[in-house]
PDB file of N, CA and C in Angstrom:
ATOM      1  N   UNK A   1      28.580 -10.824  98.060  1.00  0.00           N
ATOM      2  CA  UNK A   1      29.298  -9.561  98.064  1.00  0.00           C
ATOM      3  C   UNK A   1      29.625  -9.212  99.512  1.00  0.00           C
ATOM      4  N   UNK A   2      30.860  -8.830  99.753  1.00  0.00           N
ATOM      5  CA  UNK A   2      31.243  -8.431 101.104  1.00  0.00           C
ATOM      6  C   UNK A   2      31.363  -6.906 101.184  1.00  0.00           C
ATOM      7  N   UNK A   3      31.706  -6.412 102.365  1.00  0.00           N
ATOM      8  CA  UNK A   3      31.785  -4.958 102.571  1.00  0.00           C
ATOM      9  C   UNK A   3      32.822  -4.306 101.666  1.00  0.00           C
ATOM     10  N   UNK A   4      33.953  -4.979 101.471  1.00  0.00           N
ATOM     11  CA  UNK A   4      35.014  -4.411 100.634  1.00  0.00           C
ATOM     12  C   UNK A   4      34.531  -4.248  99.195  1.00  0.00           C
ATOM     13  N   UNK A   5      33.883  -5.270  98.654  1.00  0.00           N
ATOM     14  CA  UNK A   5      33.357  -5.182  97.285  1.00  0.00           C
ATOM     15  C   UNK A   5      32.288  -4.106  97.177  1.00  0.00           C
ATOM     16  N   UNK A   6      31.473  -4.000  98.186  1.00  0.00           N
ATOM     17  CA  UNK A   6      30.427  -2.984  98.203  1.00  0.00           C
ATOM     18  C   UNK A   6      31.040  -1.587  98.221  1.00  0.00           C
ATOM     19  N   UNK A   7      32.065  -1.390  99.030  1.00  0.00           N
ATOM     20  CA  UNK A   7      32.744  -0.091  99.092  1.00  0.00           C
ATOM     21  C   UNK A   7      33.409   0.236  97.752  1.00  0.00           C
ATOM     22  N   UNK A   8      34.038  -0.753  97.115  1.00  0.00           N
ATOM     23  CA  UNK A   8      34.670  -0.535  95.810  1.00  0.00           C
ATOM     24  C   UNK A   8      33.630  -0.152  94.765  1.00  0.00           C
ATOM     25  N   UNK A   9      32.507  -0.822  94.785  1.00  0.00           N
ATOM     26  CA  UNK A   9      31.435  -0.498  93.846  1.00  0.00           C
ATOM     27  C   UNK A   9      30.935   0.927  94.089  1.00  0.00           C
ATOM     28  N   UNK A  10      30.787   1.294  95.344  1.00  0.00           N
ATOM     29  CA  UNK A  10      30.327   2.634  95.706  1.00  0.00           C
ATOM     30  C   UNK A  10      31.300   3.699  95.199  1.00  0.00           C
ATOM     31  N   UNK A  11      32.600   3.472  95.376  1.00  0.00           N
ATOM     32  CA  UNK A  11      33.606   4.461  94.985  1.00  0.00           C
ATOM     33  C   UNK A  11      33.667   4.682  93.476  1.00  0.00           C
ATOM     34  N   UNK A  12      33.265   3.696  92.682  1.00  0.00           N
ATOM     35  CA  UNK A  12      33.295   3.811  91.222  1.00  0.00           C
ATOM     36  C   UNK A  12      32.132   4.629  90.667  1.00  0.00           C
ATOM     37  N   UNK A  13      31.108   4.852  91.474  1.00  0.00           N
ATOM     38  CA  UNK A  13      29.904   5.535  91.003  1.00  0.00           C
ATOM     39  C   UNK A  13      30.044   7.044  91.052  1.00  0.00           C
ATOM     40  N   UNK A  14      29.215   7.730  90.238  1.00  0.00           N
ATOM     41  CA  UNK A  14      29.147   9.193  90.310  1.00  0.00           C
ATOM     42  C   UNK A  14      28.203   9.577  91.444  1.00  0.00           C
ATOM     43  N   UNK A  15      27.949  10.856  91.611  1.00  0.00           N
ATOM     44  CA  UNK A  15      27.117  11.339  92.716  1.00  0.00           C
ATOM     45  C   UNK A  15      25.723  10.739  92.752  1.00  0.00           C
ATOM     46  N   UNK A  16      25.042  10.724  91.596  1.00  0.00           N
ATOM     47  CA  UNK A  16      23.683  10.174  91.539  1.00  0.00           C
ATOM     48  C   UNK A  16      23.704   8.663  91.774  1.00  0.00           C
ATOM     49  N   UNK A  17      24.699   7.997  91.210  1.00  0.00           N
ATOM     50  CA  UNK A  17      24.822   6.550  91.403  1.00  0.00           C
ATOM     51  C   UNK A  17      25.053   6.199  92.862  1.00  0.00           C
ATOM     52  N   UNK A  18      25.874   7.005  93.534  1.00  0.00           N
ATOM     53  CA  UNK A  18      26.121   6.776  94.958  1.00  0.00           C
ATOM     54  C   UNK A  18      24.843   6.943  95.771  1.00  0.00           C
ATOM     55  N   UNK A  19      24.087   7.992  95.457  1.00  0.00           N
ATOM     56  CA  UNK A  19      22.842   8.244  96.186  1.00  0.00           C
ATOM     57  C   UNK A  19      21.853   7.098  95.957  1.00  0.00           C
ATOM     58  N   UNK A  20      21.758   6.622  94.720  1.00  0.00           N
ATOM     59  CA  UNK A  20      20.842   5.527  94.421  1.00  0.00           C
ATOM     60  C   UNK A  20      21.276   4.243  95.113  1.00  0.00           C
ATOM     61  N   UNK A  21      22.576   3.960  95.124  1.00  0.00           N
ATOM     62  CA  UNK A  21      23.073   2.769  95.816  1.00  0.00           C
ATOM     63  C   UNK A  21      22.758   2.839  97.305  1.00  0.00           C
ATOM     64  N   UNK A  22      22.936   4.011  97.910  1.00  0.00           N
ATOM     65  CA  UNK A  22      22.623   4.160  99.336  1.00  0.00           C
ATOM     66  C   UNK A  22      21.135   3.917  99.598  1.00  0.00           C
ATOM     67  N   UNK A  23      20.282   4.421  98.691  1.00  0.00           N
ATOM     68  CA  UNK A  23      18.848   4.173  98.850  1.00  0.00           C
ATOM     69  C   UNK A  23      18.537   2.686  98.752  1.00  0.00           C
ATOM     70  N   UNK A  24      19.158   2.020  97.798  1.00  0.00           N
ATOM     71  CA  UNK A  24      18.903   0.585  97.636  1.00  0.00           C
ATOM     72  C   UNK A  24      19.406  -0.203  98.839  1.00  0.00           C
ATOM     73  N   UNK A  25      20.522   0.222  99.414  1.00  0.00           N
ATOM     74  CA  UNK A  25      21.014  -0.434 100.625  1.00  0.00           C
ATOM     75  C   UNK A  25      20.042  -0.224 101.790  1.00  0.00           C
ATOM     76  N   UNK A  26      19.531   1.001 101.920  1.00  0.00           N
ATOM     77  CA  UNK A  26      18.549   1.275 102.974  1.00  0.00           C
ATOM     78  C   UNK A  26      17.301   0.435 102.758  1.00  0.00           C
ATOM     79  N   UNK A  27      16.871   0.329 101.502  1.00  0.00           N
ATOM     80  CA  UNK A  27      15.701  -0.485 101.185  1.00  0.00           C
ATOM     81  C   UNK A  27      15.942  -1.943 101.567  1.00  0.00           C
ATOM     82  N   UNK A  28      17.111  -2.479 101.211  1.00  0.00           N
ATOM     83  CA  UNK A  28      17.431  -3.869 101.548  1.00  0.00           C
ATOM     84  C   UNK A  28      17.452  -4.091 103.059  1.00  0.00           C
ATOM     85  N   UNK A  29      17.926  -3.093 103.790  1.00  0.00           N
ATOM     86  CA  UNK A  29      18.030  -3.243 105.242  1.00  0.00           C
ATOM     87  C   UNK A  29      16.685  -3.108 105.950  1.00  0.00           C
ATOM     88  N   UNK A  30      15.858  -2.149 105.518  1.00  0.00           N
ATOM     89  CA  UNK A  30      14.666  -1.828 106.290  1.00  0.00           C
ATOM     90  C   UNK A  30      13.359  -2.392 105.738  1.00  0.00           C
ATOM     91  N   UNK A  31      13.348  -2.811 104.499  1.00  0.00           N
ATOM     92  CA  UNK A  31      12.102  -3.329 103.926  1.00  0.00           C
ATOM     93  C   UNK A  31      11.787  -4.695 104.526  1.00  0.00           C
ATOM     94  N   UNK A  32      10.517  -4.892 104.831  1.00  0.00           N
ATOM     95  CA  UNK A  32      10.132  -6.235 105.258  1.00  0.00           C
ATOM     96  C   UNK A  32      10.056  -7.135 104.017  1.00  0.00           C
ATOM     97  N   UNK A  33       9.877  -8.404 104.231  1.00  0.00           N
ATOM     98  CA  UNK A  33       9.871  -9.371 103.122  1.00  0.00           C
ATOM     99  C   UNK A  33       8.797  -9.020 102.084  1.00  0.00           C
ATOM    100  N   UNK A  34       7.647  -8.571 102.553  1.00  0.00           N
ATOM    101  CA  UNK A  34       6.525  -8.228 101.681  1.00  0.00           C
ATOM    102  C   UNK A  34       6.905  -7.114 100.702  1.00  0.00           C
ATOM    103  N   UNK A  35       7.422  -5.995 101.228  1.00  0.00           N
ATOM    104  CA  UNK A  35       7.813  -4.875 100.367  1.00  0.00           C
ATOM    105  C   UNK A  35       8.996  -5.241  99.486  1.00  0.00           C
ATOM    106  N   UNK A  36       9.946  -5.977 100.040  1.00  0.00           N
ATOM    107  CA  UNK A  36      11.124  -6.368  99.270  1.00  0.00           C
ATOM    108  C   UNK A  36      10.725  -7.221  98.071  1.00  0.00           C
ATOM    109  N   UNK A  37       9.885  -8.205  98.280  1.00  0.00           N
ATOM    110  CA  UNK A  37       9.437  -9.066  97.179  1.00  0.00           C
ATOM    111  C   UNK A  37       8.582  -8.289  96.182  1.00  0.00           C
ATOM    112  N   UNK A  38       7.763  -7.374  96.668  1.00  0.00           N
ATOM    113  CA  UNK A  38       6.917  -6.584  95.769  1.00  0.00           C
ATOM    114  C   UNK A  38       7.742  -5.720  94.826  1.00  0.00           C
ATOM    115  N   UNK A  39       8.898  -5.266  95.270  1.00  0.00           N
ATOM    116  CA  UNK A  39       9.760  -4.424  94.437  1.00  0.00           C
ATOM    117  C   UNK A  39      10.135  -5.145  93.138  1.00  0.00           C
ATOM    118  N   UNK A  40      10.263  -6.460  93.194  1.00  0.00           N
ATOM    119  CA  UNK A  40      10.698  -7.230  92.036  1.00  0.00           C
ATOM    120  C   UNK A  40       9.542  -7.749  91.181  1.00  0.00           C
ATOM    121  N   UNK A  41       8.320  -7.463  91.590  1.00  0.00           N
ATOM    122  CA  UNK A  41       7.154  -7.904  90.803  1.00  0.00           C
ATOM    123  C   UNK A  41       6.128  -6.782  90.658  1.00  0.00           C
ATOM    124  N   UNK A  42       6.621  -5.587  90.419  1.00  0.00           N
ATOM    125  CA  UNK A  42       5.771  -4.402  90.340  1.00  0.00           C
ATOM    126  C   UNK A  42       4.673  -4.557  89.294  1.00  0.00           C
ATOM    127  N   UNK A  43       5.002  -5.137  88.164  1.00  0.00           N
ATOM    128  CA  UNK A  43       4.011  -5.262  87.085  1.00  0.00           C
ATOM    129  C   UNK A  43       2.833  -6.143  87.480  1.00  0.00           C
ATOM    130  N   UNK A  44       3.011  -7.028  88.458  1.00  0.00           N
ATOM    131  CA  UNK A  44       1.954  -7.942  88.884  1.00  0.00           C
ATOM    132  C   UNK A  44       1.143  -7.418  90.068  1.00  0.00           C
ATOM    133  N   UNK A  45       1.555  -6.317  90.655  1.00  0.00           N
ATOM    134  CA  UNK A  45       0.939  -5.842  91.890  1.00  0.00           C
ATOM    135  C   UNK A  45      -0.456  -5.271  91.670  1.00  0.00           C
ATOM    136  N   UNK A  46      -1.299  -5.479  92.672  1.00  0.00           N
ATOM    137  CA  UNK A  46      -2.583  -4.779  92.720  1.00  0.00           C
ATOM    138  C   UNK A  46      -2.293  -3.332  93.110  1.00  0.00           C
ATOM    139  N   UNK A  47      -3.241  -2.465  92.856  1.00  0.00           N
ATOM    140  CA  UNK A  47      -3.049  -1.047  93.169  1.00  0.00           C
ATOM    141  C   UNK A  47      -2.689  -0.836  94.632  1.00  0.00           C
ATOM    142  N   UNK A  48      -3.357  -1.536  95.531  1.00  0.00           N
ATOM    143  CA  UNK A  48      -3.102  -1.350  96.957  1.00  0.00           C
ATOM    144  C   UNK A  48      -1.682  -1.787  97.324  1.00  0.00           C
ATOM    145  N   UNK A  49      -1.186  -2.855  96.724  1.00  0.00           N
ATOM    146  CA  UNK A  49       0.171  -3.320  97.001  1.00  0.00           C
ATOM    147  C   UNK A  49       1.203  -2.329  96.467  1.00  0.00           C
ATOM    148  N   UNK A  50       0.937  -1.808  95.288  1.00  0.00           N
ATOM    149  CA  UNK A  50       1.838  -0.830  94.695  1.00  0.00           C
ATOM    150  C   UNK A  50       1.907   0.429  95.563  1.00  0.00           C
ATOM    151  N   UNK A  51       0.763   0.882  96.035  1.00  0.00           N
ATOM    152  CA  UNK A  51       0.750   2.072  96.886  1.00  0.00           C
ATOM    153  C   UNK A  51       1.453   1.829  98.215  1.00  0.00           C
ATOM    154  N   UNK A  52       1.383   0.623  98.740  1.00  0.00           N
ATOM    155  CA  UNK A  52       2.122   0.291  99.965  1.00  0.00           C
ATOM    156  C   UNK A  52       3.625   0.381  99.721  1.00  0.00           C
ATOM    157  N   UNK A  53       4.073  -0.142  98.583  1.00  0.00           N
ATOM    158  CA  UNK A  53       5.492  -0.077  98.243  1.00  0.00           C
ATOM    159  C   UNK A  53       5.939   1.369  98.060  1.00  0.00           C
ATOM    160  N   UNK A  54       5.161   2.145  97.350  1.00  0.00           N
ATOM    161  CA  UNK A  54       5.480   3.555  97.124  1.00  0.00           C
ATOM    162  C   UNK A  54       5.515   4.307  98.461  1.00  0.00           C
ATOM    163  N   UNK A  55       4.579   4.020  99.320  1.00  0.00           N
ATOM    164  CA  UNK A  55       4.544   4.653 100.640  1.00  0.00           C
ATOM    165  C   UNK A  55       5.797   4.309 101.441  1.00  0.00           C
ATOM    166  N   UNK A  56       6.197   3.045 101.390  1.00  0.00           N
ATOM    167  CA  UNK A  56       7.409   2.629 102.092  1.00  0.00           C
ATOM    168  C   UNK A  56       8.616   3.420 101.588  1.00  0.00           C
ATOM    169  N   UNK A  57       8.772   3.487 100.263  1.00  0.00           N
ATOM    170  CA  UNK A  57       9.910   4.213  99.690  1.00  0.00           C
ATOM    171  C   UNK A  57       9.879   5.688 100.083  1.00  0.00           C
ATOM    172  N   UNK A  58       8.706   6.280 100.051  1.00  0.00           N
ATOM    173  CA  UNK A  58       8.580   7.694 100.405  1.00  0.00           C
ATOM    174  C   UNK A  58       8.952   7.929 101.873  1.00  0.00           C
ATOM    175  N   UNK A  59       8.416   7.117 102.764  1.00  0.00           N
ATOM    176  CA  UNK A  59       8.650   7.323 104.195  1.00  0.00           C
ATOM    177  C   UNK A  59      10.085   7.018 104.608  1.00  0.00           C
ATOM    178  N   UNK A  60      10.784   6.228 103.807  1.00  0.00           N
ATOM    179  CA  UNK A  60      12.190   5.953 104.101  1.00  0.00           C
ATOM    180  C   UNK A  60      13.128   6.799 103.234  1.00  0.00           C
ATOM    181  N   UNK A  61      12.553   7.838 102.616  1.00  0.00           N
ATOM    182  CA  UNK A  61      13.282   8.833 101.837  1.00  0.00           C
ATOM    183  C   UNK A  61      14.097   8.221 100.700  1.00  0.00           C
ATOM    184  N   UNK A  62      13.544   7.191 100.071  1.00  0.00           N
ATOM    185  CA  UNK A  62      14.169   6.573  98.898  1.00  0.00           C
ATOM    186  C   UNK A  62      13.572   7.227  97.651  1.00  0.00           C
ATOM    187  N   UNK A  63      13.824   8.512  97.501  1.00  0.00           N
ATOM    188  CA  UNK A  63      13.177   9.293  96.454  1.00  0.00           C
ATOM    189  C   UNK A  63      13.641   8.923  95.046  1.00  0.00           C
ATOM    190  N   UNK A  64      14.898   8.556  94.891  1.00  0.00           N
ATOM    191  CA  UNK A  64      15.378   8.169  93.568  1.00  0.00           C
ATOM    192  C   UNK A  64      14.742   6.851  93.127  1.00  0.00           C
ATOM    193  N   UNK A  65      14.634   5.908  94.046  1.00  0.00           N
ATOM    194  CA  UNK A  65      13.959   4.640  93.721  1.00  0.00           C
ATOM    195  C   UNK A  65      12.490   4.897  93.408  1.00  0.00           C
ATOM    196  N   UNK A  66      11.888   5.770  94.177  1.00  0.00           N
ATOM    197  CA  UNK A  66      10.492   6.126  93.966  1.00  0.00           C
ATOM    198  C   UNK A  66      10.296   6.770  92.595  1.00  0.00           C
ATOM    199  N   UNK A  67      11.168   7.709  92.255  1.00  0.00           N
ATOM    200  CA  UNK A  67      11.080   8.364  90.956  1.00  0.00           C
ATOM    201  C   UNK A  67      11.279   7.353  89.823  1.00  0.00           C
ATOM    202  N   UNK A  68      12.205   6.437  90.004  1.00  0.00           N
ATOM    203  CA  UNK A  68      12.462   5.417  88.990  1.00  0.00           C
ATOM    204  C   UNK A  68      11.230   4.546  88.772  1.00  0.00           C
ATOM    205  N   UNK A  69      10.604   4.115  89.846  1.00  0.00           N
ATOM    206  CA  UNK A  69       9.387   3.291  89.740  1.00  0.00           C
ATOM    207  C   UNK A  69       8.269   4.078  89.068  1.00  0.00           C
ATOM    208  N   UNK A  70       8.104   5.320  89.474  1.00  0.00           N
ATOM    209  CA  UNK A  70       7.014   6.113  88.906  1.00  0.00           C
ATOM    210  C   UNK A  70       7.241   6.402  87.428  1.00  0.00           C
ATOM    211  N   UNK A  71       8.490   6.558  87.017  1.00  0.00           N
ATOM    212  CA  UNK A  71       8.780   6.767  85.597  1.00  0.00           C
ATOM    213  C   UNK A  71       8.586   5.493  84.780  1.00  0.00           C
ATOM    214  N   UNK A  72       9.068   4.372  85.296  1.00  0.00           N
ATOM    215  CA  UNK A  72       8.972   3.110  84.558  1.00  0.00           C
ATOM    216  C   UNK A  72       7.545   2.595  84.461  1.00  0.00           C
ATOM    217  N   UNK A  73       6.774   2.826  85.493  1.00  0.00           N
ATOM    218  CA  UNK A  73       5.425   2.251  85.570  1.00  0.00           C
ATOM    219  C   UNK A  73       4.359   3.329  85.686  1.00  0.00           C
ATOM    220  N   UNK A  74       4.573   4.447  84.979  1.00  0.00           N
ATOM    221  CA  UNK A  74       3.653   5.580  85.118  1.00  0.00           C
ATOM    222  C   UNK A  74       2.230   5.229  84.733  1.00  0.00           C
ATOM    223  N   UNK A  75       2.032   4.278  83.829  1.00  0.00           N
ATOM    224  CA  UNK A  75       0.666   3.904  83.449  1.00  0.00           C
ATOM    225  C   UNK A  75      -0.098   3.292  84.627  1.00  0.00           C
ATOM    226  N   UNK A  76       0.611   2.711  85.586  1.00  0.00           N
ATOM    227  CA  UNK A  76      -0.057   2.159  86.767  1.00  0.00           C
ATOM    228  C   UNK A  76      -0.515   3.257  87.727  1.00  0.00           C
ATOM    229  N   UNK A  77       0.080   4.450  87.599  1.00  0.00           N
ATOM    230  CA  UNK A  77      -0.272   5.551  88.479  1.00  0.00           C
ATOM    231  C   UNK A  77      -1.307   6.489  87.862  1.00  0.00           C
ATOM    232  N   UNK A  78      -1.562   6.321  86.593  1.00  0.00           N
ATOM    233  CA  UNK A  78      -2.509   7.196  85.901  1.00  0.00           C
ATOM    234  C   UNK A  78      -3.773   6.399  85.641  1.00  0.00           C
ATOM    235  N   UNK A  79      -4.848   6.827  86.225  1.00  0.00           N
ATOM    236  CA  UNK A  79      -6.124   6.129  86.070  1.00  0.00           C
ATOM    237  C   UNK A  79      -7.032   6.978  85.194  1.00  0.00           C
ATOM    238  N   UNK A  80      -6.772   6.938  83.903  1.00  0.00           N
ATOM    239  CA  UNK A  80      -7.543   7.747  82.958  1.00  0.00           C
ATOM    240  C   UNK A  80      -8.873   7.065  82.671  1.00  0.00           C
ATOM    241  N   UNK A  81      -9.930   7.809  82.789  1.00  0.00           N
ATOM    242  CA  UNK A  81     -11.258   7.320  82.457  1.00  0.00           C
ATOM    243  C   UNK A  81     -11.708   8.060  81.208  1.00  0.00           C
ATOM    244  N   UNK A  82     -11.543   7.421  80.071  1.00  0.00           N
ATOM    245  CA  UNK A  82     -11.837   8.103  78.813  1.00  0.00           C
ATOM    246  C   UNK A  82     -13.314   8.396  78.647  1.00  0.00           C
ATOM    247  N   UNK A  83     -14.173   7.677  79.342  1.00  0.00           N
ATOM    248  CA  UNK A  83     -15.600   7.978  79.230  1.00  0.00           C
ATOM    249  C   UNK A  83     -15.898   9.367  79.787  1.00  0.00           C
ATOM    250  N   UNK A  84     -15.173   9.767  80.825  1.00  0.00           N
ATOM    251  CA  UNK A  84     -15.360  11.118  81.362  1.00  0.00           C
ATOM    252  C   UNK A  84     -14.889  12.163  80.361  1.00  0.00           C
ATOM    253  N   UNK A  85     -13.827  11.860  79.647  1.00  0.00           N
ATOM    254  CA  UNK A  85     -13.331  12.812  78.656  1.00  0.00           C
ATOM    255  C   UNK A  85     -14.299  12.980  77.490  1.00  0.00           C
ATOM    256  N   UNK A  86     -14.989  11.926  77.129  1.00  0.00           N
ATOM    257  CA  UNK A  86     -15.955  12.019  76.037  1.00  0.00           C
ATOM    258  C   UNK A  86     -17.110  12.951  76.401  1.00  0.00           C
ATOM    259  N   UNK A  87     -17.468  12.975  77.675  1.00  0.00           N
ATOM    260  CA  UNK A  87     -18.578  13.805  78.133  1.00  0.00           C
ATOM    261  C   UNK A  87     -18.120  15.219  78.501  1.00  0.00           C
ATOM    262  N   UNK A  88     -16.839  15.445  78.495  1.00  0.00           N
ATOM    263  CA  UNK A  88     -16.253  16.720  78.908  1.00  0.00           C
ATOM    264  C   UNK A  88     -16.465  17.781  77.835  1.00  0.00           C
ATOM    265  N   UNK A  89     -17.031  18.896  78.230  1.00  0.00           N
ATOM    266  CA  UNK A  89     -17.274  20.015  77.310  1.00  0.00           C
ATOM    267  C   UNK A  89     -16.467  21.218  77.764  1.00  0.00           C
ATOM    268  N   UNK A  90     -15.317  21.461  77.144  1.00  0.00           N
ATOM    269  CA  UNK A  90     -14.516  22.625  77.554  1.00  0.00           C
ATOM    270  C   UNK A  90     -15.176  23.935  77.143  1.00  0.00           C
ATOM    271  N   UNK A  91     -15.152  24.902  78.044  1.00  0.00           N
ATOM    272  CA  UNK A  91     -15.706  26.214  77.719  1.00  0.00           C
ATOM    273  C   UNK A  91     -14.576  27.148  77.283  1.00  0.00           C
ATOM    274  N   UNK A  92     -14.920  28.345  76.890  1.00  0.00           N
ATOM    275  CA  UNK A  92     -13.935  29.298  76.371  1.00  0.00           C
ATOM    276  C   UNK A  92     -12.885  29.678  77.419  1.00  0.00           C
ATOM    277  N   UNK A  93     -13.312  29.819  78.665  1.00  0.00           N
ATOM    278  CA  UNK A  93     -12.371  30.179  79.722  1.00  0.00           C
ATOM    279  C   UNK A  93     -11.318  29.095  79.895  1.00  0.00           C
ATOM    280  N   UNK A  94     -11.746  27.848  79.932  1.00  0.00           N
ATOM    281  CA  UNK A  94     -10.813  26.739  80.083  1.00  0.00           C
ATOM    282  C   UNK A  94      -9.833  26.697  78.910  1.00  0.00           C
ATOM    283  N   UNK A  95     -10.325  26.824  77.709  1.00  0.00           N
ATOM    284  CA  UNK A  95      -9.460  26.763  76.534  1.00  0.00           C
ATOM    285  C   UNK A  95      -8.445  27.907  76.533  1.00  0.00           C
ATOM    286  N   UNK A  96      -8.859  29.074  76.975  1.00  0.00           N
ATOM    287  CA  UNK A  96      -7.948  30.211  77.040  1.00  0.00           C
ATOM    288  C   UNK A  96      -6.867  29.959  78.088  1.00  0.00           C
ATOM    289  N   UNK A  97      -7.243  29.415  79.218  1.00  0.00           N
ATOM    290  CA  UNK A  97      -6.275  29.130  80.273  1.00  0.00           C
ATOM    291  C   UNK A  97      -5.294  28.036  79.846  1.00  0.00           C
ATOM    292  N   UNK A  98      -5.787  27.020  79.199  1.00  0.00           N
ATOM    293  CA  UNK A  98      -4.924  25.947  78.705  1.00  0.00           C
ATOM    294  C   UNK A  98      -3.882  26.503  77.749  1.00  0.00           C
ATOM    295  N   UNK A  99      -4.295  27.373  76.863  1.00  0.00           N
ATOM    296  CA  UNK A  99      -3.344  27.950  75.902  1.00  0.00           C
ATOM    297  C   UNK A  99      -2.286  28.798  76.594  1.00  0.00           C
ATOM    298  N   UNK A 100      -2.654  29.429  77.679  1.00  0.00           N
ATOM    299  CA  UNK A 100      -1.714  30.298  78.388  1.00  0.00           C
ATOM    300  C   UNK A 100      -0.659  29.517  79.164  1.00  0.00           C
ATOM    301  N   UNK A 101      -0.996  28.363  79.687  1.00  0.00           N
ATOM    302  CA  UNK A 101      -0.007  27.607  80.471  1.00  0.00           C
ATOM    303  C   UNK A 101       0.601  26.448  79.697  1.00  0.00           C
ATOM    304  N   UNK A 102       0.283  26.328  78.428  1.00  0.00           N
ATOM    305  CA  UNK A 102       0.888  25.327  77.538  1.00  0.00           C
ATOM    306  C   UNK A 102       0.766  23.893  78.057  1.00  0.00           C
ATOM    307  N   UNK A 103      -0.405  23.550  78.556  1.00  0.00           N
ATOM    308  CA  UNK A 103      -0.639  22.186  79.033  1.00  0.00           C
ATOM    309  C   UNK A 103      -0.494  21.162  77.907  1.00  0.00           C
ATOM    310  N   UNK A 104      -0.976  21.517  76.736  1.00  0.00           N
ATOM    311  CA  UNK A 104      -1.064  20.541  75.669  1.00  0.00           C
ATOM    312  C   UNK A 104       0.150  20.497  74.742  1.00  0.00           C
ATOM    313  N   UNK A 105       1.241  21.132  75.106  1.00  0.00           N
ATOM    314  CA  UNK A 105       2.405  21.140  74.215  1.00  0.00           C
ATOM    315  C   UNK A 105       3.051  19.763  74.092  1.00  0.00           C
ATOM    316  N   UNK A 106       2.983  18.948  75.133  1.00  0.00           N
ATOM    317  CA  UNK A 106       3.627  17.619  75.102  1.00  0.00           C
ATOM    318  C   UNK A 106       2.660  16.506  74.759  1.00  0.00           C
ATOM    319  N   UNK A 107       1.395  16.813  74.546  1.00  0.00           N
ATOM    320  CA  UNK A 107       0.384  15.779  74.316  1.00  0.00           C
ATOM    321  C   UNK A 107       0.288  15.459  72.854  1.00  0.00           C
TER     322      UNK A 107
END
């Protein structure tokens, strides 16, 4: 792909598409080989590698790419320990507060 094709592709996109393309171009330009390769193998990454990639995207203001990764791979970011939940005893105050802020409406 040359500059002309890249510009044509950019012009065909809507506002969000343009912003995402610019982020991906910045990522391609500034990411080292390690982060660049990790982007394409997210499902295989160790937690520390994933956090390095996320940190890179955050510090280079690639927020749309970051949001996309966090949405697609949200289970990798949530470390639920169900054993703690089994031992959890909610009291009346907690239950009243939960009902007031509708925490459990989507669960």
